Structure formats: C-alpha cells, structure tokens
Amino acid sequence: MQPRHIICAAIMLLTAMVLGPPRVWAHAFLDHAEPRVGSTVRAAPSAVRLTFTEPIEADFSRIEVLDARERRVDTEPVAHPNPAELQVPLPPLSPGEYTVHWAVTSVDTHQTEGRFSFTVAEP
C-alpha cells in the first residue's frame, strides 16, 4: 500500500471514529403530549395531541381516550396534521381522570404503544 493511501485510510478512519455512526431511531417514541403526561388541567382539552420522535404511518396508528370507568370518550377519527403527530378531538369532558392509550407504526414499520393519564380538575 502506498503511503498516501495509508494516510487517506487513516484520515477516514479517524473521521468515522470522531463523528460516530449516524443517529437512527429504531422506533417512534412519544416525545410529548397535550395535555401533558400525568398533568391536571383546569379546563377540559378539546383534543389530545401526540408528537413522536419520528414520522409515523397514520393508517396503522391509533389513539383511544378512556374515562375512569374505561369507557371510550373519543368519537372522531384520528387526524395526522404533520408526519410525527397524531391528534384526536374530544367532546366536552367532565372532571375526572382520563387515560390515553396510543399505538403507532413508524415509517420504518416498527410498532410502539403506550398509555398515560391526565386529570380534568373540578371547576
């Protein structure tokens, strides 16, 4: 091997070691939600909005909002306003605790799901 090839290979190896591998998400994880996970809100939200760490396939994703008796309260279809967000409109909610269950498929076909709760405070 010629010295310039050795130097070129060494520079490429050093650059790869310093920069590291490219960051690739393996799954779409929940980044944030409105209402926030575990929060107590004074006014009932008009929708649940979920933002994920990578784009998702809306056709293979869902959100369900359940009341304290585990009855589903969302009735409208899930909207997909941008590649990494889902939202579902809500009817007027009574004070109490609600659970959001979500399941999504990312554009790389990995599936994730989770749940969290929020509380609508008494007026």
Foldseek 3Di string as FASTA:
>chain_A
DDPVVVVVVVVVVVVCVVVDDDDDDPFWDWPAKVVGFAEEAQFDDQKIKTFTPAFFDLVAKDKFKAFPVRDTFFDDGWDPPDRGMIMTGGDGDDWGKMKMKIWTAHPVGDIDIDMGMYTHHDD
